[in-house]
Full PDB file with SEQRES, HELIX, SHEET, SSBOND, CRYST1, ORIGX, SCALE, CONECT and MASTER records, all heavy atoms in Angstrom:
SEQRES   1 A   35  GLY TYR ASP ASP GLY TYR ASP TYR GLY TRP TYR GLY SER          
SEQRES   2 A   35  SER ALA LYS SER THR ASN PRO ALA VAL ALA LEU ALA GLY          
SEQRES   3 A   35  LYS VAL ASN ALA ASP LEU ILE ASP TYR                          
HELIX    1 AA1 TYR A    2  TYR A   11  1                                  10    
HELIX    2 AA2 PRO A   20  LEU A   32  1                                  13    
CRYST1    1.000    1.000    1.000  90.00  90.00  90.00 P 1           1          
ORIGX1      1.000000  0.000000  0.000000        0.00000                         
ORIGX2      0.000000  1.000000  0.000000        0.00000                         
ORIGX3      0.000000  0.000000  1.000000        0.00000                         
SCALE1      1.000000  0.000000  0.000000        0.00000                         
SCALE2      0.000000  1.000000  0.000000        0.00000                         
SCALE3      0.000000  0.000000  1.000000        0.00000                         
ATOM      1  N   GLY A   1       0.821  -1.195   0.007  1.00  0.00           N  
ATOM      2  CA  GLY A   1      -0.010   0.011   0.006  1.00  0.00           C  
ATOM      3  C   GLY A   1       0.872   1.267   0.008  1.00  0.00           C  
ATOM      4  O   GLY A   1       0.546   2.217  -0.701  1.00  0.00           O  
ATOM      5  N   TYR A   2       1.964   1.203   0.769  1.00  0.00           N  
ATOM      6  CA  TYR A   2       2.817   2.392   0.784  1.00  0.00           C  
ATOM      7  C   TYR A   2       3.452   2.638  -0.573  1.00  0.00           C  
ATOM      8  O   TYR A   2       3.528   3.769  -1.089  1.00  0.00           O  
ATOM      9  CB  TYR A   2       3.927   2.153   1.861  1.00  0.00           C  
ATOM     10  CG  TYR A   2       4.855   3.339   2.002  1.00  0.00           C  
ATOM     11  CD1 TYR A   2       4.535   4.398   2.849  1.00  0.00           C  
ATOM     12  CD2 TYR A   2       6.056   3.412   1.270  1.00  0.00           C  
ATOM     13  CE1 TYR A   2       5.392   5.485   2.976  1.00  0.00           C  
ATOM     14  CE2 TYR A   2       6.893   4.485   1.369  1.00  0.00           C  
ATOM     15  CZ  TYR A   2       6.542   5.546   2.259  1.00  0.00           C  
ATOM     16  OH  TYR A   2       7.394   6.612   2.365  1.00  0.00           O  
ATOM     17  N   ASP A   3       3.925   1.552  -1.250  1.00  0.00           N  
ATOM     18  CA  ASP A   3       4.515   1.695  -2.556  1.00  0.00           C  
ATOM     19  C   ASP A   3       3.530   2.279  -3.568  1.00  0.00           C  
ATOM     20  O   ASP A   3       3.892   3.202  -4.319  1.00  0.00           O  
ATOM     21  CB  ASP A   3       4.991   0.338  -3.095  1.00  0.00           C  
ATOM     22  CG  ASP A   3       6.283  -0.086  -2.405  1.00  0.00           C  
ATOM     23  OD1 ASP A   3       6.923   0.748  -1.753  1.00  0.00           O  
ATOM     24  OD2 ASP A   3       6.676  -1.263  -2.542  1.00  0.00           O  
ATOM     25  N   ASP A   4       2.311   1.772  -3.560  1.00  0.00           N  
ATOM     26  CA  ASP A   4       1.316   2.260  -4.544  1.00  0.00           C  
ATOM     27  C   ASP A   4       0.997   3.718  -4.268  1.00  0.00           C  
ATOM     28  O   ASP A   4       0.938   4.541  -5.218  1.00  0.00           O  
ATOM     29  CB  ASP A   4       0.070   1.446  -4.464  1.00  0.00           C  
ATOM     30  CG  ASP A   4       0.245  -0.015  -4.944  1.00  0.00           C  
ATOM     31  OD1 ASP A   4       1.213  -0.216  -5.657  1.00  0.00           O  
ATOM     32  OD2 ASP A   4      -0.529  -0.892  -4.584  1.00  0.00           O  
ATOM     33  N   GLY A   5       0.788   4.088  -3.010  1.00  0.00           N  
ATOM     34  CA  GLY A   5       0.512   5.479  -2.710  1.00  0.00           C  
ATOM     35  C   GLY A   5       1.667   6.381  -3.003  1.00  0.00           C  
ATOM     36  O   GLY A   5       1.498   7.486  -3.531  1.00  0.00           O  
ATOM     37  N   TYR A   6       2.860   5.914  -2.744  1.00  0.00           N  
ATOM     38  CA  TYR A   6       4.089   6.727  -2.988  1.00  0.00           C  
ATOM     39  C   TYR A   6       4.284   6.940  -4.454  1.00  0.00           C  
ATOM     40  O   TYR A   6       4.578   8.036  -4.924  1.00  0.00           O  
ATOM     41  CB  TYR A   6       5.298   6.073  -2.343  1.00  0.00           C  
ATOM     42  CG  TYR A   6       6.514   6.965  -2.320  1.00  0.00           C  
ATOM     43  CD1 TYR A   6       6.738   7.802  -1.229  1.00  0.00           C  
ATOM     44  CD2 TYR A   6       7.414   6.961  -3.401  1.00  0.00           C  
ATOM     45  CE1 TYR A   6       7.870   8.624  -1.192  1.00  0.00           C  
ATOM     46  CE2 TYR A   6       8.509   7.790  -3.364  1.00  0.00           C  
ATOM     47  CZ  TYR A   6       8.720   8.605  -2.272  1.00  0.00           C  
ATOM     48  OH  TYR A   6       9.814   9.436  -2.260  1.00  0.00           O  
ATOM     49  N   ASP A   7       4.089   5.898  -5.253  1.00  0.00           N  
ATOM     50  CA  ASP A   7       4.325   5.963  -6.719  1.00  0.00           C  
ATOM     51  C   ASP A   7       3.332   6.958  -7.321  1.00  0.00           C  
ATOM     52  O   ASP A   7       3.659   7.809  -8.155  1.00  0.00           O  
ATOM     53  CB  ASP A   7       4.114   4.622  -7.350  1.00  0.00           C  
ATOM     54  CG  ASP A   7       5.302   3.662  -7.032  1.00  0.00           C  
ATOM     55  OD1 ASP A   7       6.308   4.201  -6.517  1.00  0.00           O  
ATOM     56  OD2 ASP A   7       5.142   2.446  -7.178  1.00  0.00           O  
ATOM     57  N   TYR A   8       2.084   6.920  -6.893  1.00  0.00           N  
ATOM     58  CA  TYR A   8       1.071   7.824  -7.402  1.00  0.00           C  
ATOM     59  C   TYR A   8       1.433   9.281  -7.051  1.00  0.00           C  
ATOM     60  O   TYR A   8       1.356  10.181  -7.884  1.00  0.00           O  
ATOM     61  CB  TYR A   8      -0.306   7.488  -6.915  1.00  0.00           C  
ATOM     62  CG  TYR A   8      -1.386   8.436  -7.453  1.00  0.00           C  
ATOM     63  CD1 TYR A   8      -1.925   8.295  -8.706  1.00  0.00           C  
ATOM     64  CD2 TYR A   8      -1.838   9.476  -6.631  1.00  0.00           C  
ATOM     65  CE1 TYR A   8      -2.846   9.170  -9.179  1.00  0.00           C  
ATOM     66  CE2 TYR A   8      -2.786  10.387  -7.060  1.00  0.00           C  
ATOM     67  CZ  TYR A   8      -3.332  10.230  -8.372  1.00  0.00           C  
ATOM     68  OH  TYR A   8      -4.243  11.122  -8.842  1.00  0.00           O  
ATOM     69  N   GLY A   9       1.835   9.443  -5.819  1.00  0.00           N  
ATOM     70  CA  GLY A   9       2.232  10.791  -5.366  1.00  0.00           C  
ATOM     71  C   GLY A   9       3.520  11.265  -6.074  1.00  0.00           C  
ATOM     72  O   GLY A   9       3.764  12.429  -6.189  1.00  0.00           O  
ATOM     73  N   TRP A  10       4.328  10.285  -6.523  1.00  0.00           N  
ATOM     74  CA  TRP A  10       5.637  10.610  -7.155  1.00  0.00           C  
ATOM     75  C   TRP A  10       5.467  11.181  -8.526  1.00  0.00           C  
ATOM     76  O   TRP A  10       5.914  12.272  -8.859  1.00  0.00           O  
ATOM     77  CB  TRP A  10       6.498   9.375  -7.158  1.00  0.00           C  
ATOM     78  CG  TRP A  10       7.886   9.568  -7.768  1.00  0.00           C  
ATOM     79  CD1 TRP A  10       8.219   9.630  -9.043  1.00  0.00           C  
ATOM     80  CD2 TRP A  10       9.086   9.755  -7.037  1.00  0.00           C  
ATOM     81  NE1 TRP A  10       9.536   9.829  -9.211  1.00  0.00           N  
ATOM     82  CE2 TRP A  10      10.113   9.942  -7.956  1.00  0.00           C  
ATOM     83  CE3 TRP A  10       9.380   9.835  -5.648  1.00  0.00           C  
ATOM     84  CZ2 TRP A  10      11.418  10.107  -7.614  1.00  0.00           C  
ATOM     85  CZ3 TRP A  10      10.720  10.009  -5.329  1.00  0.00           C  
ATOM     86  CH2 TRP A  10      11.692  10.168  -6.276  1.00  0.00           C  
ATOM     87  N   TYR A  11       4.810  10.373  -9.462  1.00  0.00           N  
ATOM     88  CA  TYR A  11       4.756  10.904 -10.840  1.00  0.00           C  
ATOM     89  C   TYR A  11       3.391  10.650 -11.453  1.00  0.00           C  
ATOM     90  O   TYR A  11       3.216  10.753 -12.677  1.00  0.00           O  
ATOM     91  CB  TYR A  11       5.817  10.202 -11.689  1.00  0.00           C  
ATOM     92  CG  TYR A  11       5.798   8.690 -11.634  1.00  0.00           C  
ATOM     93  CD1 TYR A  11       4.887   7.910 -12.388  1.00  0.00           C  
ATOM     94  CD2 TYR A  11       6.741   8.016 -10.886  1.00  0.00           C  
ATOM     95  CE1 TYR A  11       4.882   6.556 -12.350  1.00  0.00           C  
ATOM     96  CE2 TYR A  11       6.763   6.622 -10.852  1.00  0.00           C  
ATOM     97  CZ  TYR A  11       5.848   5.887 -11.586  1.00  0.00           C  
ATOM     98  OH  TYR A  11       5.866   4.554 -11.557  1.00  0.00           O  
ATOM     99  N   GLY A  12       2.355  10.434 -10.690  1.00  0.00           N  
ATOM    100  CA  GLY A  12       1.022  10.087 -11.259  1.00  0.00           C  
ATOM    101  C   GLY A  12       0.192  11.335 -11.620  1.00  0.00           C  
ATOM    102  O   GLY A  12      -0.741  11.192 -12.391  1.00  0.00           O  
ATOM    103  N   SER A  13       0.519  12.501 -11.114  1.00  0.00           N  
ATOM    104  CA  SER A  13      -0.370  13.638 -11.321  1.00  0.00           C  
ATOM    105  C   SER A  13       0.312  14.904 -11.649  1.00  0.00           C  
ATOM    106  O   SER A  13      -0.208  15.982 -11.419  1.00  0.00           O  
ATOM    107  CB  SER A  13      -1.263  13.847 -10.074  1.00  0.00           C  
ATOM    108  OG  SER A  13      -0.431  14.132  -8.966  1.00  0.00           O  
ATOM    109  N   SER A  14       1.553  14.831 -12.115  1.00  0.00           N  
ATOM    110  CA  SER A  14       2.341  16.054 -12.338  1.00  0.00           C  
ATOM    111  C   SER A  14       1.839  16.900 -13.483  1.00  0.00           C  
ATOM    112  O   SER A  14       2.080  18.120 -13.453  1.00  0.00           O  
ATOM    113  CB  SER A  14       3.797  15.678 -12.570  1.00  0.00           C  
ATOM    114  OG  SER A  14       3.911  14.900 -13.748  1.00  0.00           O  
ATOM    115  N   ALA A  15       1.232  16.336 -14.519  1.00  0.00           N  
ATOM    116  CA  ALA A  15       0.824  17.100 -15.644  1.00  0.00           C  
ATOM    117  C   ALA A  15      -0.715  17.359 -15.781  1.00  0.00           C  
ATOM    118  O   ALA A  15      -1.205  17.722 -16.813  1.00  0.00           O  
ATOM    119  CB  ALA A  15       1.285  16.452 -16.950  1.00  0.00           C  
ATOM    120  N   LYS A  16      -1.465  17.074 -14.671  1.00  0.00           N  
ATOM    121  CA  LYS A  16      -2.896  17.184 -14.702  1.00  0.00           C  
ATOM    122  C   LYS A  16      -3.291  18.611 -14.303  1.00  0.00           C  
ATOM    123  O   LYS A  16      -3.548  18.874 -13.131  1.00  0.00           O  
ATOM    124  CB  LYS A  16      -3.550  16.183 -13.802  1.00  0.00           C  
ATOM    125  CG  LYS A  16      -3.098  14.740 -14.025  1.00  0.00           C  
ATOM    126  CD  LYS A  16      -3.604  14.258 -15.397  1.00  0.00           C  
ATOM    127  CE  LYS A  16      -3.403  12.758 -15.579  1.00  0.00           C  
ATOM    128  NZ  LYS A  16      -1.966  12.322 -15.498  1.00  0.00           N  
ATOM    129  N   SER A  17      -3.242  19.566 -15.192  1.00  0.00           N  
ATOM    130  CA  SER A  17      -3.572  20.920 -14.869  1.00  0.00           C  
ATOM    131  C   SER A  17      -4.202  21.641 -16.098  1.00  0.00           C  
ATOM    132  O   SER A  17      -3.831  21.323 -17.232  1.00  0.00           O  
ATOM    133  CB  SER A  17      -2.332  21.689 -14.411  1.00  0.00           C  
ATOM    134  OG  SER A  17      -2.609  23.067 -14.165  1.00  0.00           O  
ATOM    135  N   THR A  18      -5.104  22.631 -15.810  1.00  0.00           N  
ATOM    136  CA  THR A  18      -5.741  23.376 -16.915  1.00  0.00           C  
ATOM    137  C   THR A  18      -4.913  24.618 -17.191  1.00  0.00           C  
ATOM    138  O   THR A  18      -5.173  25.310 -18.192  1.00  0.00           O  
ATOM    139  CB  THR A  18      -7.099  23.728 -16.511  1.00  0.00           C  
ATOM    140  OG1 THR A  18      -7.115  24.471 -15.291  1.00  0.00           O  
ATOM    141  CG2 THR A  18      -7.986  22.500 -16.343  1.00  0.00           C  
ATOM    142  N   ASN A  19      -3.930  24.968 -16.342  1.00  0.00           N  
ATOM    143  CA  ASN A  19      -3.094  26.122 -16.541  1.00  0.00           C  
ATOM    144  C   ASN A  19      -2.155  25.811 -17.739  1.00  0.00           C  
ATOM    145  O   ASN A  19      -1.407  24.838 -17.649  1.00  0.00           O  
ATOM    146  CB  ASN A  19      -2.337  26.461 -15.281  1.00  0.00           C  
ATOM    147  CG  ASN A  19      -1.524  27.772 -15.370  1.00  0.00           C  
ATOM    148  OD1 ASN A  19      -0.728  27.912 -16.284  1.00  0.00           O  
ATOM    149  ND2 ASN A  19      -1.799  28.629 -14.430  1.00  0.00           N  
ATOM    150  N   PRO A  20      -2.114  26.665 -18.799  1.00  0.00           N  
ATOM    151  CA  PRO A  20      -1.243  26.341 -19.958  1.00  0.00           C  
ATOM    152  C   PRO A  20       0.206  26.178 -19.606  1.00  0.00           C  
ATOM    153  O   PRO A  20       0.878  25.295 -20.078  1.00  0.00           O  
ATOM    154  CB  PRO A  20      -1.480  27.563 -20.859  1.00  0.00           C  
ATOM    155  CG  PRO A  20      -2.813  28.079 -20.449  1.00  0.00           C  
ATOM    156  CD  PRO A  20      -2.885  27.894 -18.990  1.00  0.00           C  
ATOM    157  N   ALA A  21       0.724  27.075 -18.710  1.00  0.00           N  
ATOM    158  CA  ALA A  21       2.116  27.009 -18.355  1.00  0.00           C  
ATOM    159  C   ALA A  21       2.416  25.749 -17.592  1.00  0.00           C  
ATOM    160  O   ALA A  21       3.473  25.062 -17.809  1.00  0.00           O  
ATOM    161  CB  ALA A  21       2.530  28.216 -17.524  1.00  0.00           C  
ATOM    162  N   VAL A  22       1.554  25.397 -16.676  1.00  0.00           N  
ATOM    163  CA  VAL A  22       1.723  24.213 -15.861  1.00  0.00           C  
ATOM    164  C   VAL A  22       1.583  22.979 -16.761  1.00  0.00           C  
ATOM    165  O   VAL A  22       2.372  22.018 -16.645  1.00  0.00           O  
ATOM    166  CB  VAL A  22       0.680  24.144 -14.730  1.00  0.00           C  
ATOM    167  CG1 VAL A  22       0.813  22.824 -13.976  1.00  0.00           C  
ATOM    168  CG2 VAL A  22       0.927  25.292 -13.766  1.00  0.00           C  
ATOM    169  N   ALA A  23       0.595  22.970 -17.669  1.00  0.00           N  
ATOM    170  CA  ALA A  23       0.454  21.850 -18.565  1.00  0.00           C  
ATOM    171  C   ALA A  23       1.673  21.636 -19.484  1.00  0.00           C  
ATOM    172  O   ALA A  23       2.109  20.503 -19.686  1.00  0.00           O  
ATOM    173  CB  ALA A  23      -0.828  22.069 -19.435  1.00  0.00           C  
ATOM    174  N   LEU A  24       2.237  22.725 -19.941  1.00  0.00           N  
ATOM    175  CA  LEU A  24       3.455  22.655 -20.749  1.00  0.00           C  
ATOM    176  C   LEU A  24       4.594  22.071 -19.948  1.00  0.00           C  
ATOM    177  O   LEU A  24       5.357  21.174 -20.398  1.00  0.00           O  
ATOM    178  CB  LEU A  24       3.807  24.011 -21.329  1.00  0.00           C  
ATOM    179  CG  LEU A  24       5.103  24.058 -22.156  1.00  0.00           C  
ATOM    180  CD1 LEU A  24       4.993  23.146 -23.387  1.00  0.00           C  
ATOM    181  CD2 LEU A  24       5.401  25.492 -22.565  1.00  0.00           C  
ATOM    182  N   ALA A  25       4.782  22.583 -18.725  1.00  0.00           N  
ATOM    183  CA  ALA A  25       5.871  22.042 -17.922  1.00  0.00           C  
ATOM    184  C   ALA A  25       5.701  20.569 -17.588  1.00  0.00           C  
ATOM    185  O   ALA A  25       6.622  19.774 -17.598  1.00  0.00           O  
ATOM    186  CB  ALA A  25       5.977  22.863 -16.600  1.00  0.00           C  
ATOM    187  N   GLY A  26       4.360  20.222 -17.367  1.00  0.00           N  
ATOM    188  CA  GLY A  26       4.105  18.797 -17.064  1.00  0.00           C  
ATOM    189  C   GLY A  26       4.357  17.906 -18.291  1.00  0.00           C  
ATOM    190  O   GLY A  26       4.895  16.803 -18.178  1.00  0.00           O  
ATOM    191  N   LYS A  27       4.047  18.450 -19.474  1.00  0.00           N  
ATOM    192  CA  LYS A  27       4.288  17.658 -20.702  1.00  0.00           C  
ATOM    193  C   LYS A  27       5.773  17.507 -20.903  1.00  0.00           C  
ATOM    194  O   LYS A  27       6.272  16.439 -21.300  1.00  0.00           O  
ATOM    195  CB  LYS A  27       3.652  18.424 -21.894  1.00  0.00           C  
ATOM    196  CG  LYS A  27       3.776  17.659 -23.186  1.00  0.00           C  
ATOM    197  CD  LYS A  27       3.081  18.438 -24.313  1.00  0.00           C  
ATOM    198  CE  LYS A  27       3.133  17.659 -25.653  1.00  0.00           C  
ATOM    199  NZ  LYS A  27       4.511  17.433 -26.091  1.00  0.00           N  
ATOM    200  N   VAL A  28       6.579  18.589 -20.733  1.00  0.00           N  
ATOM    201  CA  VAL A  28       8.028  18.481 -20.872  1.00  0.00           C  
ATOM    202  C   VAL A  28       8.601  17.493 -19.893  1.00  0.00           C  
ATOM    203  O   VAL A  28       9.443  16.663 -20.238  1.00  0.00           O  
ATOM    204  CB  VAL A  28       8.662  19.854 -20.697  1.00  0.00           C  
ATOM    205  CG1 VAL A  28      10.199  19.748 -20.573  1.00  0.00           C  
ATOM    206  CG2 VAL A  28       8.298  20.820 -21.775  1.00  0.00           C  
ATOM    207  N   ASN A  29       8.122  17.538 -18.673  1.00  0.00           N  
ATOM    208  CA  ASN A  29       8.579  16.620 -17.643  1.00  0.00           C  
ATOM    209  C   ASN A  29       8.275  15.190 -18.016  1.00  0.00           C  
ATOM    210  O   ASN A  29       9.101  14.296 -17.873  1.00  0.00           O  
ATOM    211  CB  ASN A  29       7.961  17.027 -16.259  1.00  0.00           C  
ATOM    212  CG  ASN A  29       8.504  16.159 -15.149  1.00  0.00           C  
ATOM    213  OD1 ASN A  29       9.646  15.712 -15.187  1.00  0.00           O  
ATOM    214  ND2 ASN A  29       7.697  15.948 -14.115  1.00  0.00           N  
ATOM    215  N   ALA A  30       7.037  14.971 -18.500  1.00  0.00           N  
ATOM    216  CA  ALA A  30       6.617  13.598 -18.879  1.00  0.00           C  
ATOM    217  C   ALA A  30       7.432  13.097 -20.072  1.00  0.00           C  
ATOM    218  O   ALA A  30       7.744  11.914 -20.199  1.00  0.00           O  
ATOM    219  CB  ALA A  30       5.131  13.571 -19.157  1.00  0.00           C  
ATOM    220  N   ASP A  31       7.761  14.009 -21.030  1.00  0.00           N  
ATOM    221  CA  ASP A  31       8.503  13.574 -22.221  1.00  0.00           C  
ATOM    222  C   ASP A  31       9.987  13.440 -21.914  1.00  0.00           C  
ATOM    223  O   ASP A  31      10.708  12.722 -22.576  1.00  0.00           O  
ATOM    224  CB  ASP A  31       8.325  14.627 -23.369  1.00  0.00           C  
ATOM    225  CG  ASP A  31       6.909  14.618 -23.918  1.00  0.00           C  
ATOM    226  OD1 ASP A  31       6.269  13.554 -23.765  1.00  0.00           O  
ATOM    227  OD2 ASP A  31       6.502  15.573 -24.563  1.00  0.00           O  
ATOM    228  N   LEU A  32      10.454  14.173 -20.913  1.00  0.00           N  
ATOM    229  CA  LEU A  32      11.872  14.152 -20.554  1.00  0.00           C  
ATOM    230  C   LEU A  32      12.267  12.796 -19.951  1.00  0.00           C  
ATOM    231  O   LEU A  32      13.376  12.291 -20.188  1.00  0.00           O  
ATOM    232  CB  LEU A  32      12.190  15.276 -19.593  1.00  0.00           C  
ATOM    233  CG  LEU A  32      13.656  15.572 -19.269  1.00  0.00           C  
ATOM    234  CD1 LEU A  32      14.355  16.052 -20.567  1.00  0.00           C  
ATOM    235  CD2 LEU A  32      13.769  16.638 -18.188  1.00  0.00           C  
ATOM    236  N   ILE A  33      11.356  12.252 -19.164  1.00  0.00           N  
ATOM    237  CA  ILE A  33      11.641  10.964 -18.464  1.00  0.00           C  
ATOM    238  C   ILE A  33      10.548   9.992 -18.712  1.00  0.00           C  
ATOM    239  O   ILE A  33       9.370  10.309 -18.549  1.00  0.00           O  
ATOM    240  CB  ILE A  33      11.781  11.226 -16.935  1.00  0.00           C  
ATOM    241  CG1 ILE A  33      12.954  12.206 -16.694  1.00  0.00           C  
ATOM    242  CG2 ILE A  33      12.088   9.898 -16.191  1.00  0.00           C  
ATOM    243  CD1 ILE A  33      13.062  12.667 -15.260  1.00  0.00           C  
ATOM    244  N   ASP A  34      10.901   8.736 -19.105  1.00  0.00           N  
ATOM    245  CA  ASP A  34       9.902   7.696 -19.256  1.00  0.00           C  
ATOM    246  C   ASP A  34       9.696   6.989 -17.887  1.00  0.00           C  
ATOM    247  O   ASP A  34      10.385   6.038 -17.570  1.00  0.00           O  
ATOM    248  CB  ASP A  34      10.440   6.671 -20.320  1.00  0.00           C  
ATOM    249  CG  ASP A  34       9.346   5.591 -20.573  1.00  0.00           C  
ATOM    250  OD1 ASP A  34       8.265   5.727 -20.049  1.00  0.00           O  
ATOM    251  OD2 ASP A  34       9.699   4.645 -21.327  1.00  0.00           O  
ATOM    252  N   TYR A  35       8.767   7.514 -17.132  1.00  0.00           N  
ATOM    253  CA  TYR A  35       8.566   7.059 -15.774  1.00  0.00           C  
ATOM    254  C   TYR A  35       8.140   5.583 -15.736  1.00  0.00           C  
ATOM    255  O   TYR A  35       8.381   4.838 -14.766  1.00  0.00           O  
ATOM    256  CB  TYR A  35       7.579   7.917 -15.008  1.00  0.00           C  
ATOM    257  CG  TYR A  35       8.101   9.312 -14.714  1.00  0.00           C  
ATOM    258  CD1 TYR A  35       7.771  10.385 -15.539  1.00  0.00           C  
ATOM    259  CD2 TYR A  35       8.904   9.498 -13.602  1.00  0.00           C  
ATOM    260  CE1 TYR A  35       8.312  11.637 -15.238  1.00  0.00           C  
ATOM    261  CE2 TYR A  35       9.440  10.775 -13.337  1.00  0.00           C  
ATOM    262  CZ  TYR A  35       9.092  11.843 -14.164  1.00  0.00           C  
ATOM    263  OH  TYR A  35       9.602  13.115 -13.899  1.00  0.00           O  
TER     264      TYR A  35                                                      
MASTER        0    0    0    2    0    0    0    6  263    1    0    3          
END                                                                             
């Protein structure tokens, strides 16, 4: 349970935003690293 919760908190929601700047940063982050 700790692993699953930690993994989701780690990289599961970084790009979920309606803010264009935040969405772009999240997209770059997601494309930069294959999590």
